[in-house]
Amino acid sequence: MNNGNYLDLIVTFEKGIVIIFLGDGNGSFILSDAANTGVASIPCSIALTDFNSDNCLDFVIADRAENTIVILFLETVMDNYQTK
């Protein structure tokens, strides 16, 4: 997520909570950022790609409760997601 050389982790929870952890290279993860897709949301799948061609990974989340998708755009290399 931060263009580092380590694997990162994205975790979703009911009530629309999405938490991003960055790999530290030692097998641990550091809390980086959080986003919310909505209180009634139940995220069930995540896919990563560069949707807006800005060389930063964005992610799309499928919402089982509302039968919709939410795209979170990474505005900078490290954090600051914007929901669309």
Protein backbone atom coordinates (compact mmCIF):
# COMPACT_ATOMS: atom_id res chain seq x y z
CA MET A 1 0.00 0.00 0.00
CA ASN A 2 2.88 2.38 0.68
CA ASN A 3 5.07 1.24 -2.23
CA GLY A 4 7.40 -0.48 0.24
CA ASN A 5 9.02 -3.84 -0.29
CA TYR A 6 6.96 -5.57 2.42
CA LEU A 7 3.56 -7.22 2.35
CA ASP A 8 0.77 -5.14 3.86
CA LEU A 9 -2.55 -6.25 5.32
CA ILE A 10 -6.12 -4.98 4.95
CA VAL A 11 -8.74 -6.22 7.42
CA THR A 12 -12.49 -5.61 7.20
CA PHE A 13 -15.11 -5.89 9.91
CA GLU A 14 -18.87 -5.64 10.04
CA LYS A 15 -20.23 -2.12 10.41
CA GLY A 16 -18.00 -1.04 7.51
CA ILE A 17 -14.66 -0.80 9.29
CA VAL A 18 -11.57 -1.23 7.11
CA ILE A 19 -8.14 -1.21 8.78
CA ILE A 20 -4.82 -1.00 6.93
CA PHE A 21 -1.62 -2.38 8.43
CA LEU A 22 1.80 -1.85 6.83
CA GLY A 23 4.39 -4.62 6.95
CA ASP A 24 7.54 -3.68 8.86
CA GLY A 25 9.82 -6.28 7.29
CA ASN A 26 10.19 -8.24 10.53
CA GLY A 27 7.00 -10.27 10.20
CA SER A 28 4.89 -7.72 12.09
CA PHE A 29 2.42 -5.09 10.95
CA ILE A 30 2.01 -1.47 12.01
CA LEU A 31 -1.42 0.21 12.10
CA SER A 32 -1.45 2.73 9.28
CA ASP A 33 -4.95 3.94 8.56
CA ALA A 34 -8.63 3.15 8.83
CA ALA A 35 -11.65 3.83 6.68
CA ASN A 36 -15.37 3.32 7.06
CA THR A 37 -17.70 2.15 4.30
CA GLY A 38 -20.88 2.83 6.30
CA VAL A 39 -22.53 1.62 9.49
CA ALA A 40 -24.94 -0.71 7.65
CA SER A 41 -22.11 -2.12 5.54
CA ILE A 42 -20.80 -5.70 5.75
CA PRO A 43 -17.57 -5.82 3.70
CA CYS A 44 -17.03 -9.30 2.25
CA SER A 45 -14.33 -9.02 -0.46
CA ILE A 46 -11.44 -6.71 -1.32
CA ALA A 47 -9.55 -6.24 -4.59
CA LEU A 48 -6.53 -4.01 -5.18
CA THR A 49 -5.53 -2.16 -8.34
CA ASP A 50 -4.62 1.33 -9.50
CA PHE A 51 -8.11 2.47 -10.58
CA ASN A 52 -7.19 6.09 -11.35
CA SER A 53 -3.71 5.58 -12.90
CA ASP A 54 -1.85 7.62 -10.26
CA ASN A 55 0.68 4.85 -9.45
CA CYS A 56 -0.89 4.23 -6.01
CA LEU A 57 -2.88 1.11 -5.19
CA ASP A 58 -6.57 1.73 -4.59
CA PHE A 59 -9.04 -0.85 -3.37
CA VAL A 60 -12.61 -1.85 -4.01
CA ILE A 61 -14.72 -3.46 -1.31
CA ALA A 62 -17.82 -5.55 -1.99
CA ASP A 63 -20.60 -4.84 0.49
CA ARG A 64 -22.78 -7.89 1.19
CA ALA A 65 -25.42 -5.99 3.19
CA GLU A 66 -26.15 -3.33 0.59
CA ASN A 67 -25.16 -5.28 -2.57
CA THR A 68 -22.86 -2.46 -3.63
CA ILE A 69 -19.16 -1.78 -4.00
CA VAL A 70 -17.08 1.00 -2.44
CA ILE A 71 -13.88 2.21 -4.08
CA LEU A 72 -11.28 3.79 -1.79
CA PHE A 73 -8.72 5.87 -3.68
CA LEU A 74 -5.25 6.29 -2.24
CA GLU A 75 -4.46 9.98 -2.67
CA THR A 76 -0.85 9.76 -1.51
CA VAL A 77 1.64 6.96 -1.22
CA MET A 78 1.16 6.52 2.54
CA ASP A 79 -2.46 7.19 3.49
CA ASN A 80 -5.47 9.48 3.02
CA TYR A 81 -8.14 7.32 1.41
CA GLN A 82 -11.10 8.94 -0.25
CA THR A 83 -14.38 7.00 -0.58
CA LYS A 84 -16.15 7.09 -3.95
